[in-house]
Each structure stands twice: as C-alpha cells, then as structure tokens.
C-alpha cells in the first residue's frame, strides 16, 4: 500500500470535516446507529474518497461520519469492508491507516458475532480480550513501510488493558452485563459448520465472526490503542437446533445496539485514556 495514497485520502477527508478526530470507531452489522447520534456531523461516502473501495455488506452504509460523540472529536466508519466481499486486505485496512493519518490515537471496533461459549446468550455484549486469526493470511504480508509501523508487530497488548478496564467499569456503572472472551476471525461468507465450531471452542474461542481481525492488526501495527466489542447476535452452528440467517444478525443488532451505544458513550465520555 502506497503511503501517498493514505495521505491523499486523509487530505480529502480532513478538508471536509471539522476538528481533528482523536477516536476512530468501526461499526459492525446492525450497529451503525451509533453514527446517527454524532453531533455536528460531516458525512463522506467511501466512494467519494480517493483510493477507497465501497462496502457491499448488508446493513453497512459505507460512509465516514465525523463530529463529536461523548463530548470528544471522533470519526466513525458506518459500515466496514470484509474479506468475503472480495476486497484485498490492503483495502480493508486502508481506512484504519487513513484514520491514523488524520490524528486518531484510539480505535473502538464493534462487530456482530456468533456465540461459541455455551454460557453466552443471544444479545450478550462481549469485551474482546484477544483474538485468533483464522483467516489464513495477514494484512501485513508484503513489503513493510516503516512510516506505518515496524516489520514485526508485537500483538501482546493489542487490546489495550487500560481501555478494557474502563469498559468493565462503564458497564458496571450502567448495570450492563459485559461478557469477556476471545474472538476468532474467519473469512466467510459461509457460516461455520458445527464441526468447525467444536474445533474453535477447543482452541479457546468464545465468539466467531468475519471481520475485525485485519483492522485490529493494522491498528496495532501503527500504534493505535484498541478497544473492541462483539454483540452476540446468534449462537454459532450446532449449539441451537436452527439455521443461521443474516436477517437474525441485523435484527439483534438493531435491538441491542442501543445498549452498546450507551456503553461506548459512557466510555468515551469518562475515560481519560481516550
């Protein structure tokens, strides 16, 4: 990925927003409602930004929304890009690098996920403590541009401990139950088989989805703090005796998205590390 492309895209966005954003948000399936409450907003469709590709996933509007959220300047991806759409990983992580170029120092990521942990229930919120990359590739493969980050990126503290602690305190203050666990990222677009889910549980995964891992790797590579949540929109294959559908994912996202919005608002408002 040419760093000049990142700079050109960032300059285009910078000219169309207000103050410099310090927090970036990536909103998953059915969770785009957070962008609707951003104040003093500036909306930029991905298709207008140089070198961007457009999202085709259901429930993803495909636009940047910049403004103030929780009293702080933010820029929000209302809809993300997925590997299963046929995008190159370099395109998927491109927005993260643009946000970094714009001045973002912390990234909050949300996704819709299938519950692997049998103690979870549909509608649960899960704080991601770590991830397993099961996508078969890595967005940092290829020539490394040191202006983005080091050749070999340490992933030990990828999900920033101080932000995870702030999330747990915010959930407690709001009376929200917040599960904790490991997210496993697959390519999709097919849902996982029951045998795969049994294998993933053995590996230590608590939830599974088709996103997040590439963006988080890129965020870690370029030095961003990361906080991430999964909304458990369905139980993974083989746990319940019923088929999985994208309509279920979006419906649960719409129903429980308000709780996630409350939680993220409290964290952004109260956390001094952001």
C-alpha atoms as a PDB file:
ATOM      1  CA  UNK A   1       0.000   0.000   0.000  1.00  0.00           C
ATOM      2  CA  UNK A   2       1.453   3.336  -1.055  1.00  0.00           C
ATOM      3  CA  UNK A   3       1.692   5.790   1.860  1.00  0.00           C
ATOM      4  CA  UNK A   4       0.985   8.553  -0.666  1.00  0.00           C
ATOM      5  CA  UNK A   5      -2.473   7.033  -1.218  1.00  0.00           C
ATOM      6  CA  UNK A   6      -3.124   7.183   2.529  1.00  0.00           C
ATOM      7  CA  UNK A   7      -2.041  10.817   2.629  1.00  0.00           C
ATOM      8  CA  UNK A   8      -4.210  11.755  -0.353  1.00  0.00           C
ATOM      9  CA  UNK A   9      -7.264  10.102   1.178  1.00  0.00           C
ATOM     10  CA  UNK A  10      -6.604  11.718   4.556  1.00  0.00           C
ATOM     11  CA  UNK A  11      -6.214  15.151   2.986  1.00  0.00           C
ATOM     12  CA  UNK A  12      -9.551  14.724   1.179  1.00  0.00           C
ATOM     13  CA  UNK A  13     -11.313  13.750   4.416  1.00  0.00           C
ATOM     14  CA  UNK A  14      -9.549  16.422   6.503  1.00  0.00           C
ATOM     15  CA  UNK A  15     -10.797  19.148   4.167  1.00  0.00           C
ATOM     16  CA  UNK A  16     -14.403  18.031   4.735  1.00  0.00           C
ATOM     17  CA  UNK A  17     -14.564  17.576   8.485  1.00  0.00           C
ATOM     18  CA  UNK A  18     -14.274  19.922  11.450  1.00  0.00           C
ATOM     19  CA  UNK A  19     -11.789  19.396  14.255  1.00  0.00           C
ATOM     20  CA  UNK A  20      -9.117  16.711  14.292  1.00  0.00           C
ATOM     21  CA  UNK A  21     -10.592  13.369  15.404  1.00  0.00           C
ATOM     22  CA  UNK A  22      -8.850  11.555  18.247  1.00  0.00           C
ATOM     23  CA  UNK A  23     -11.096   8.496  18.373  1.00  0.00           C
ATOM     24  CA  UNK A  24     -11.983   6.234  15.457  1.00  0.00           C
ATOM     25  CA  UNK A  25     -14.971   3.901  15.512  1.00  0.00           C
ATOM     26  CA  UNK A  26     -15.711   0.944  13.242  1.00  0.00           C
ATOM     27  CA  UNK A  27     -19.351  -0.149  13.383  1.00  0.00           C
ATOM     28  CA  UNK A  28     -20.403  -3.695  12.514  1.00  0.00           C
ATOM     29  CA  UNK A  29     -23.573  -5.276  11.128  1.00  0.00           C
ATOM     30  CA  UNK A  30     -26.716  -3.730  12.601  1.00  0.00           C
ATOM     31  CA  UNK A  31     -24.634  -1.404  14.801  1.00  0.00           C
ATOM     32  CA  UNK A  32     -24.489   1.670  12.599  1.00  0.00           C
ATOM     33  CA  UNK A  33     -26.942   3.545  14.822  1.00  0.00           C
ATOM     34  CA  UNK A  34     -24.115   4.997  16.884  1.00  0.00           C
ATOM     35  CA  UNK A  35     -23.252   7.198  13.917  1.00  0.00           C
ATOM     36  CA  UNK A  36     -26.746   8.683  13.969  1.00  0.00           C
ATOM     37  CA  UNK A  37     -26.171  10.388  17.339  1.00  0.00           C
ATOM     38  CA  UNK A  38     -22.847  12.010  16.426  1.00  0.00           C
ATOM     39  CA  UNK A  39     -23.213  15.795  16.748  1.00  0.00           C
ATOM     40  CA  UNK A  40     -22.021  18.441  14.294  1.00  0.00           C
ATOM     41  CA  UNK A  41     -21.639  15.632  11.807  1.00  0.00           C
ATOM     42  CA  UNK A  42     -19.926  15.573   8.445  1.00  0.00           C
ATOM     43  CA  UNK A  43     -20.774  12.608   6.220  1.00  0.00           C
ATOM     44  CA  UNK A  44     -18.422  11.381   3.490  1.00  0.00           C
ATOM     45  CA  UNK A  45     -19.389   8.306   1.414  1.00  0.00           C
ATOM     46  CA  UNK A  46     -16.464   5.969   0.835  1.00  0.00           C
ATOM     47  CA  UNK A  47     -16.989   6.204  -2.915  1.00  0.00           C
ATOM     48  CA  UNK A  48     -16.016   9.883  -2.860  1.00  0.00           C
ATOM     49  CA  UNK A  49     -12.675   9.342  -1.119  1.00  0.00           C
ATOM     50  CA  UNK A  50      -9.578   8.772  -3.278  1.00  0.00           C
ATOM     51  CA  UNK A  51      -8.366   5.157  -3.296  1.00  0.00           C
ATOM     52  CA  UNK A  52     -11.249   3.886  -1.113  1.00  0.00           C
ATOM     53  CA  UNK A  53     -13.406   0.918  -2.056  1.00  0.00           C
ATOM     54  CA  UNK A  54     -17.107   0.665  -1.201  1.00  0.00           C
ATOM     55  CA  UNK A  55     -18.810  -1.689   1.228  1.00  0.00           C
ATOM     56  CA  UNK A  56     -21.380  -4.123  -0.194  1.00  0.00           C
ATOM     57  CA  UNK A  57     -22.310  -5.948   3.029  1.00  0.00           C
ATOM     58  CA  UNK A  58     -25.962  -5.911   4.211  1.00  0.00           C
ATOM     59  CA  UNK A  59     -26.579  -3.356   6.953  1.00  0.00           C
ATOM     60  CA  UNK A  60     -23.449  -1.332   6.135  1.00  0.00           C
ATOM     61  CA  UNK A  61     -23.997   2.206   4.802  1.00  0.00           C
ATOM     62  CA  UNK A  62     -20.413   2.649   3.681  1.00  0.00           C
ATOM     63  CA  UNK A  63     -19.512   6.148   4.831  1.00  0.00           C
ATOM     64  CA  UNK A  64     -17.380   8.124   7.239  1.00  0.00           C
ATOM     65  CA  UNK A  65     -19.252  10.194   9.819  1.00  0.00           C
ATOM     66  CA  UNK A  66     -17.140  12.749  11.691  1.00  0.00           C
ATOM     67  CA  UNK A  67     -18.172  15.051  14.536  1.00  0.00           C
ATOM     68  CA  UNK A  68     -18.466  14.940  18.315  1.00  0.00           C
ATOM     69  CA  UNK A  69     -19.508  11.909  20.343  1.00  0.00           C
ATOM     70  CA  UNK A  70     -19.434  11.731  24.114  1.00  0.00           C
ATOM     71  CA  UNK A  71     -18.009  15.245  24.059  1.00  0.00           C
ATOM     72  CA  UNK A  72     -14.938  14.247  22.050  1.00  0.00           C
ATOM     73  CA  UNK A  73     -13.996  14.571  18.352  1.00  0.00           C
ATOM     74  CA  UNK A  74     -14.461  11.268  16.517  1.00  0.00           C
ATOM     75  CA  UNK A  75     -14.553   9.782  13.054  1.00  0.00           C
ATOM     76  CA  UNK A  76     -16.754   6.771  12.521  1.00  0.00           C
ATOM     77  CA  UNK A  77     -16.857   4.093   9.844  1.00  0.00           C
ATOM     78  CA  UNK A  78     -20.583   3.489   9.416  1.00  0.00           C
ATOM     79  CA  UNK A  79     -20.074   0.145   7.739  1.00  0.00           C
ATOM     80  CA  UNK A  80     -16.815  -1.701   7.223  1.00  0.00           C
ATOM     81  CA  UNK A  81     -15.142  -3.702   4.477  1.00  0.00           C
ATOM     82  CA  UNK A  82     -14.908  -7.504   4.570  1.00  0.00           C
ATOM     83  CA  UNK A  83     -12.563 -10.046   3.031  1.00  0.00           C
ATOM     84  CA  UNK A  84     -15.541 -12.079   1.800  1.00  0.00           C
ATOM     85  CA  UNK A  85     -16.659  -9.180  -0.383  1.00  0.00           C
ATOM     86  CA  UNK A  86     -13.561  -9.801  -2.493  1.00  0.00           C
ATOM     87  CA  UNK A  87     -11.605  -6.809  -1.205  1.00  0.00           C
ATOM     88  CA  UNK A  88      -7.857  -7.100  -0.800  1.00  0.00           C
ATOM     89  CA  UNK A  89      -6.686  -6.957   2.805  1.00  0.00           C
ATOM     90  CA  UNK A  90      -4.774  -3.800   1.898  1.00  0.00           C
ATOM     91  CA  UNK A  91      -8.119  -2.165   1.038  1.00  0.00           C
ATOM     92  CA  UNK A  92      -9.732  -3.428   4.248  1.00  0.00           C
ATOM     93  CA  UNK A  93      -7.076  -1.852   6.478  1.00  0.00           C
ATOM     94  CA  UNK A  94      -6.757   1.302   4.353  1.00  0.00           C
ATOM     95  CA  UNK A  95      -9.386   3.235   6.397  1.00  0.00           C
ATOM     96  CA  UNK A  96      -7.524   2.450   9.640  1.00  0.00           C
ATOM     97  CA  UNK A  97      -4.341   3.950   8.255  1.00  0.00           C
ATOM     98  CA  UNK A  98      -6.264   6.962   6.986  1.00  0.00           C
ATOM     99  CA  UNK A  99      -7.720   7.497  10.456  1.00  0.00           C
ATOM    100  CA  UNK A 100      -4.238   7.303  11.938  1.00  0.00           C
ATOM    101  CA  UNK A 101      -3.052   9.888   9.397  1.00  0.00           C
ATOM    102  CA  UNK A 102      -5.961  12.145  10.383  1.00  0.00           C
ATOM    103  CA  UNK A 103      -4.794  12.175  14.009  1.00  0.00           C
ATOM    104  CA  UNK A 104      -6.732   9.296  15.577  1.00  0.00           C
ATOM    105  CA  UNK A 105      -4.948   7.756  18.565  1.00  0.00           C
ATOM    106  CA  UNK A 106      -7.561   5.221  19.741  1.00  0.00           C
ATOM    107  CA  UNK A 107      -9.774   2.834  17.772  1.00  0.00           C
ATOM    108  CA  UNK A 108     -13.057   1.376  19.045  1.00  0.00           C
ATOM    109  CA  UNK A 109     -14.267  -1.588  16.999  1.00  0.00           C
ATOM    110  CA  UNK A 110     -17.638  -3.342  17.103  1.00  0.00           C
ATOM    111  CA  UNK A 111     -18.891  -6.432  15.335  1.00  0.00           C
ATOM    112  CA  UNK A 112     -21.759  -8.881  15.202  1.00  0.00           C
ATOM    113  CA  UNK A 113     -20.575 -12.354  16.161  1.00  0.00           C
ATOM    114  CA  UNK A 114     -21.740 -15.899  16.724  1.00  0.00           C
ATOM    115  CA  UNK A 115     -21.508 -17.179  20.277  1.00  0.00           C
ATOM    116  CA  UNK A 116     -19.239 -20.202  20.742  1.00  0.00           C
ATOM    117  CA  UNK A 117     -19.103 -20.113  24.522  1.00  0.00           C
ATOM    118  CA  UNK A 118     -22.160 -22.100  25.609  1.00  0.00           C
ATOM    119  CA  UNK A 119     -22.663 -19.848  28.641  1.00  0.00           C
ATOM    120  CA  UNK A 120     -23.394 -16.923  26.292  1.00  0.00           C
ATOM    121  CA  UNK A 121     -26.866 -15.959  25.123  1.00  0.00           C
ATOM    122  CA  UNK A 122     -28.104 -14.153  22.028  1.00  0.00           C
ATOM    123  CA  UNK A 123     -27.944 -10.426  22.727  1.00  0.00           C
ATOM    124  CA  UNK A 124     -24.938 -10.579  25.045  1.00  0.00           C
ATOM    125  CA  UNK A 125     -22.194  -7.969  24.746  1.00  0.00           C
ATOM    126  CA  UNK A 126     -18.645  -9.344  24.802  1.00  0.00           C
ATOM    127  CA  UNK A 127     -15.497  -7.363  25.510  1.00  0.00           C
ATOM    128  CA  UNK A 128     -12.787  -8.757  23.233  1.00  0.00           C
ATOM    129  CA  UNK A 129      -9.693  -9.596  25.273  1.00  0.00           C
ATOM    130  CA  UNK A 130      -7.756 -11.277  22.470  1.00  0.00           C
ATOM    131  CA  UNK A 131      -8.265 -12.801  19.036  1.00  0.00           C
ATOM    132  CA  UNK A 132      -7.378 -15.800  16.911  1.00  0.00           C
ATOM    133  CA  UNK A 133      -6.634 -15.074  13.261  1.00  0.00           C
ATOM    134  CA  UNK A 134      -8.215 -17.935  11.301  1.00  0.00           C
ATOM    135  CA  UNK A 135      -8.386 -16.045   8.009  1.00  0.00           C
ATOM    136  CA  UNK A 136      -5.396 -17.822   6.537  1.00  0.00           C
ATOM    137  CA  UNK A 137      -3.484 -14.628   5.839  1.00  0.00           C
ATOM    138  CA  UNK A 138      -2.310 -11.399   7.453  1.00  0.00           C
ATOM    139  CA  UNK A 139      -2.758  -7.793   6.259  1.00  0.00           C
ATOM    140  CA  UNK A 140       0.912  -7.022   6.992  1.00  0.00           C
ATOM    141  CA  UNK A 141       2.238  -9.576   4.474  1.00  0.00           C
ATOM    142  CA  UNK A 142       4.325  -7.915   1.775  1.00  0.00           C
ATOM    143  CA  UNK A 143       6.785  -5.027   1.791  1.00  0.00           C
ATOM    144  CA  UNK A 144       6.710  -3.087   5.061  1.00  0.00           C
ATOM    145  CA  UNK A 145       6.502   0.690   5.046  1.00  0.00           C
ATOM    146  CA  UNK A 146       8.157   1.829   8.278  1.00  0.00           C
ATOM    147  CA  UNK A 147       6.072   5.000   8.217  1.00  0.00           C
ATOM    148  CA  UNK A 148       3.096   2.827   9.185  1.00  0.00           C
ATOM    149  CA  UNK A 149       4.847   0.600  11.716  1.00  0.00           C
ATOM    150  CA  UNK A 150       7.590  -1.995  12.342  1.00  0.00           C
ATOM    151  CA  UNK A 151       8.283  -5.024  10.160  1.00  0.00           C
ATOM    152  CA  UNK A 152       7.390  -7.339  13.053  1.00  0.00           C
ATOM    153  CA  UNK A 153       4.413  -6.159  15.081  1.00  0.00           C
ATOM    154  CA  UNK A 154       4.056  -7.282  18.700  1.00  0.00           C
ATOM    155  CA  UNK A 155       0.483  -8.359  19.486  1.00  0.00           C
ATOM    156  CA  UNK A 156       0.770  -8.997  23.223  1.00  0.00           C
ATOM    157  CA  UNK A 157      -1.184  -5.910  24.323  1.00  0.00           C
ATOM    158  CA  UNK A 158      -3.197  -5.354  21.156  1.00  0.00           C
ATOM    159  CA  UNK A 159      -6.443  -4.881  23.081  1.00  0.00           C
ATOM    160  CA  UNK A 160      -5.336  -2.060  25.370  1.00  0.00           C
ATOM    161  CA  UNK A 161      -5.600  -3.166  29.030  1.00  0.00           C
ATOM    162  CA  UNK A 162      -6.464   0.316  30.343  1.00  0.00           C
ATOM    163  CA  UNK A 163      -9.349   0.645  27.877  1.00  0.00           C
ATOM    164  CA  UNK A 164     -10.632  -2.831  28.718  1.00  0.00           C
ATOM    165  CA  UNK A 165     -10.659  -1.877  32.390  1.00  0.00           C
ATOM    166  CA  UNK A 166     -12.517   1.334  31.563  1.00  0.00           C
ATOM    167  CA  UNK A 167     -15.093  -0.685  29.607  1.00  0.00           C
ATOM    168  CA  UNK A 168     -15.743  -3.008  32.525  1.00  0.00           C
ATOM    169  CA  UNK A 169     -16.152  -0.073  34.910  1.00  0.00           C
ATOM    170  CA  UNK A 170     -18.516   1.685  32.491  1.00  0.00           C
ATOM    171  CA  UNK A 171     -20.635  -1.457  32.068  1.00  0.00           C
ATOM    172  CA  UNK A 172     -20.892  -1.855  35.845  1.00  0.00           C
ATOM    173  CA  UNK A 173     -21.942   1.773  36.301  1.00  0.00           C
ATOM    174  CA  UNK A 174     -24.694   1.309  33.699  1.00  0.00           C
ATOM    175  CA  UNK A 175     -25.882  -2.001  35.100  1.00  0.00           C
ATOM    176  CA  UNK A 176     -24.962  -3.823  31.876  1.00  0.00           C
ATOM    177  CA  UNK A 177     -23.663  -7.371  31.833  1.00  0.00           C
ATOM    178  CA  UNK A 178     -20.433  -7.482  29.836  1.00  0.00           C
ATOM    179  CA  UNK A 179     -19.042 -10.867  28.900  1.00  0.00           C
ATOM    180  CA  UNK A 180     -15.318 -11.236  28.183  1.00  0.00           C
ATOM    181  CA  UNK A 181     -13.667 -13.508  25.684  1.00  0.00           C
ATOM    182  CA  UNK A 182     -11.586 -14.370  22.647  1.00  0.00           C
ATOM    183  CA  UNK A 183     -12.834 -13.532  19.154  1.00  0.00           C
ATOM    184  CA  UNK A 184     -11.957 -15.819  16.243  1.00  0.00           C
ATOM    185  CA  UNK A 185     -11.948 -14.275  12.776  1.00  0.00           C
ATOM    186  CA  UNK A 186     -12.877 -16.345   9.705  1.00  0.00           C
ATOM    187  CA  UNK A 187     -13.169 -15.264   6.094  1.00  0.00           C
ATOM    188  CA  UNK A 188     -16.834 -16.168   5.495  1.00  0.00           C
ATOM    189  CA  UNK A 189     -19.172 -15.659   3.747  1.00  0.00           C
ATOM    190  CA  UNK A 190     -20.481 -19.103   4.654  1.00  0.00           C
ATOM    191  CA  UNK A 191     -21.246 -19.565   8.315  1.00  0.00           C
ATOM    192  CA  UNK A 192     -19.105 -22.097  10.134  1.00  0.00           C
ATOM    193  CA  UNK A 193     -20.019 -25.764  10.359  1.00  0.00           C
ATOM    194  CA  UNK A 194     -20.865 -27.422  13.694  1.00  0.00           C
ATOM    195  CA  UNK A 195     -17.564 -29.335  13.491  1.00  0.00           C
ATOM    196  CA  UNK A 196     -15.627 -26.106  12.986  1.00  0.00           C
ATOM    197  CA  UNK A 197     -17.356 -24.539  15.989  1.00  0.00           C
ATOM    198  CA  UNK A 198     -16.409 -27.512  18.166  1.00  0.00           C
ATOM    199  CA  UNK A 199     -12.805 -27.127  16.985  1.00  0.00           C
ATOM    200  CA  UNK A 200     -12.812 -23.372  17.637  1.00  0.00           C
ATOM    201  CA  UNK A 201     -14.111 -23.937  21.169  1.00  0.00           C
ATOM    202  CA  UNK A 202     -11.216 -26.330  21.763  1.00  0.00           C
ATOM    203  CA  UNK A 203      -8.838 -23.612  20.538  1.00  0.00           C
ATOM    204  CA  UNK A 204     -10.186 -21.232  23.168  1.00  0.00           C
ATOM    205  CA  UNK A 205     -12.530 -19.052  21.116  1.00  0.00           C
ATOM    206  CA  UNK A 206     -15.663 -17.589  22.707  1.00  0.00           C
ATOM    207  CA  UNK A 207     -17.131 -15.888  19.627  1.00  0.00           C
ATOM    208  CA  UNK A 208     -16.653 -16.061  15.876  1.00  0.00           C
ATOM    209  CA  UNK A 209     -17.110 -13.564  13.067  1.00  0.00           C
ATOM    210  CA  UNK A 210     -15.962 -12.413   9.642  1.00  0.00           C
ATOM    211  CA  UNK A 211     -14.256  -9.107  10.425  1.00  0.00           C
ATOM    212  CA  UNK A 212     -12.267  -7.107  12.992  1.00  0.00           C
ATOM    213  CA  UNK A 213      -9.011  -9.091  12.953  1.00  0.00           C
ATOM    214  CA  UNK A 214      -7.439  -7.326   9.906  1.00  0.00           C
ATOM    215  CA  UNK A 215      -8.350  -3.847  11.155  1.00  0.00           C
ATOM    216  CA  UNK A 216      -7.078  -4.574  14.656  1.00  0.00           C
ATOM    217  CA  UNK A 217      -3.782  -5.939  13.349  1.00  0.00           C
ATOM    218  CA  UNK A 218      -3.342  -2.772  11.275  1.00  0.00           C
ATOM    219  CA  UNK A 219      -4.273  -0.596  14.253  1.00  0.00           C
ATOM    220  CA  UNK A 220      -1.736  -2.347  16.454  1.00  0.00           C
ATOM    221  CA  UNK A 221       0.885  -2.041  13.720  1.00  0.00           C
ATOM    222  CA  UNK A 222       0.505   1.739  13.541  1.00  0.00           C
ATOM    223  CA  UNK A 223       0.407   2.257  17.300  1.00  0.00           C
ATOM    224  CA  UNK A 224      -3.273   2.854  17.997  1.00  0.00           C
ATOM    225  CA  UNK A 225      -4.935   1.946  21.271  1.00  0.00           C
ATOM    226  CA  UNK A 226      -7.681  -0.619  20.620  1.00  0.00           C
ATOM    227  CA  UNK A 227     -10.972  -1.396  22.348  1.00  0.00           C
ATOM    228  CA  UNK A 228     -13.312  -3.929  20.752  1.00  0.00           C
ATOM    229  CA  UNK A 229     -16.737  -5.437  21.385  1.00  0.00           C
ATOM    230  CA  UNK A 230     -18.779  -8.256  19.892  1.00  0.00           C
ATOM    231  CA  UNK A 231     -22.557  -8.278  20.014  1.00  0.00           C
ATOM    232  CA  UNK A 232     -23.598 -11.924  20.131  1.00  0.00           C
ATOM    233  CA  UNK A 233     -26.327 -11.861  17.502  1.00  0.00           C
ATOM    234  CA  UNK A 234     -26.701 -15.637  17.165  1.00  0.00           C
ATOM    235  CA  UNK A 235     -25.372 -18.794  18.701  1.00  0.00           C
ATOM    236  CA  UNK A 236     -22.885 -20.485  16.391  1.00  0.00           C
ATOM    237  CA  UNK A 237     -23.700 -23.549  14.303  1.00  0.00           C
ATOM    238  CA  UNK A 238     -24.570 -26.705  16.210  1.00  0.00           C
ATOM    239  CA  UNK A 239     -25.348 -25.013  19.542  1.00  0.00           C
ATOM    240  CA  UNK A 240     -29.039 -24.432  18.806  1.00  0.00           C
ATOM    241  CA  UNK A 241     -31.122 -26.606  16.513  1.00  0.00           C
ATOM    242  CA  UNK A 242     -31.887 -23.873  13.986  1.00  0.00           C
ATOM    243  CA  UNK A 243     -30.326 -22.387  10.821  1.00  0.00           C
ATOM    244  CA  UNK A 244     -28.354 -19.147  10.834  1.00  0.00           C
ATOM    245  CA  UNK A 245     -29.515 -16.125   8.810  1.00  0.00           C
ATOM    246  CA  UNK A 246     -28.210 -12.622   8.155  1.00  0.00           C
ATOM    247  CA  UNK A 247     -31.670 -11.227   8.994  1.00  0.00           C
ATOM    248  CA  UNK A 248     -31.287 -12.549  12.547  1.00  0.00           C
ATOM    249  CA  UNK A 249     -27.897 -10.862  12.859  1.00  0.00           C
ATOM    250  CA  UNK A 250     -29.230  -7.461  11.781  1.00  0.00           C
ATOM    251  CA  UNK A 251     -32.409  -7.758  13.884  1.00  0.00           C
ATOM    252  CA  UNK A 252     -30.498  -8.475  17.095  1.00  0.00           C
ATOM    253  CA  UNK A 253     -28.059  -5.700  16.227  1.00  0.00           C
ATOM    254  CA  UNK A 254     -30.912  -3.253  15.929  1.00  0.00           C
ATOM    255  CA  UNK A 255     -32.451  -4.446  19.182  1.00  0.00           C
ATOM    256  CA  UNK A 256     -29.335  -4.457  21.381  1.00  0.00           C
ATOM    257  CA  UNK A 257     -27.364  -1.792  19.571  1.00  0.00           C
ATOM    258  CA  UNK A 258     -28.738   0.850  21.939  1.00  0.00           C
ATOM    259  CA  UNK A 259     -27.064  -0.836  24.923  1.00  0.00           C
ATOM    260  CA  UNK A 260     -23.746  -0.910  23.095  1.00  0.00           C
ATOM    261  CA  UNK A 261     -24.251   2.746  22.191  1.00  0.00           C
ATOM    262  CA  UNK A 262     -24.838   3.608  25.868  1.00  0.00           C
ATOM    263  CA  UNK A 263     -21.734   1.699  26.876  1.00  0.00           C
ATOM    264  CA  UNK A 264     -19.460   3.280  24.295  1.00  0.00           C
ATOM    265  CA  UNK A 265     -20.845   6.742  25.078  1.00  0.00           C
ATOM    266  CA  UNK A 266     -20.018   6.280  28.768  1.00  0.00           C
ATOM    267  CA  UNK A 267     -16.516   5.029  27.969  1.00  0.00           C
ATOM    268  CA  UNK A 268     -15.754   7.876  25.566  1.00  0.00           C
ATOM    269  CA  UNK A 269     -17.146  10.449  27.997  1.00  0.00           C
ATOM    270  CA  UNK A 270     -15.426   9.187  31.134  1.00  0.00           C
ATOM    271  CA  UNK A 271     -12.185   7.515  30.050  1.00  0.00           C
ATOM    272  CA  UNK A 272      -9.197   9.839  30.358  1.00  0.00           C
ATOM    273  CA  UNK A 273      -7.083   7.434  28.263  1.00  0.00           C
ATOM    274  CA  UNK A 274      -9.131   8.279  25.161  1.00  0.00           C
END
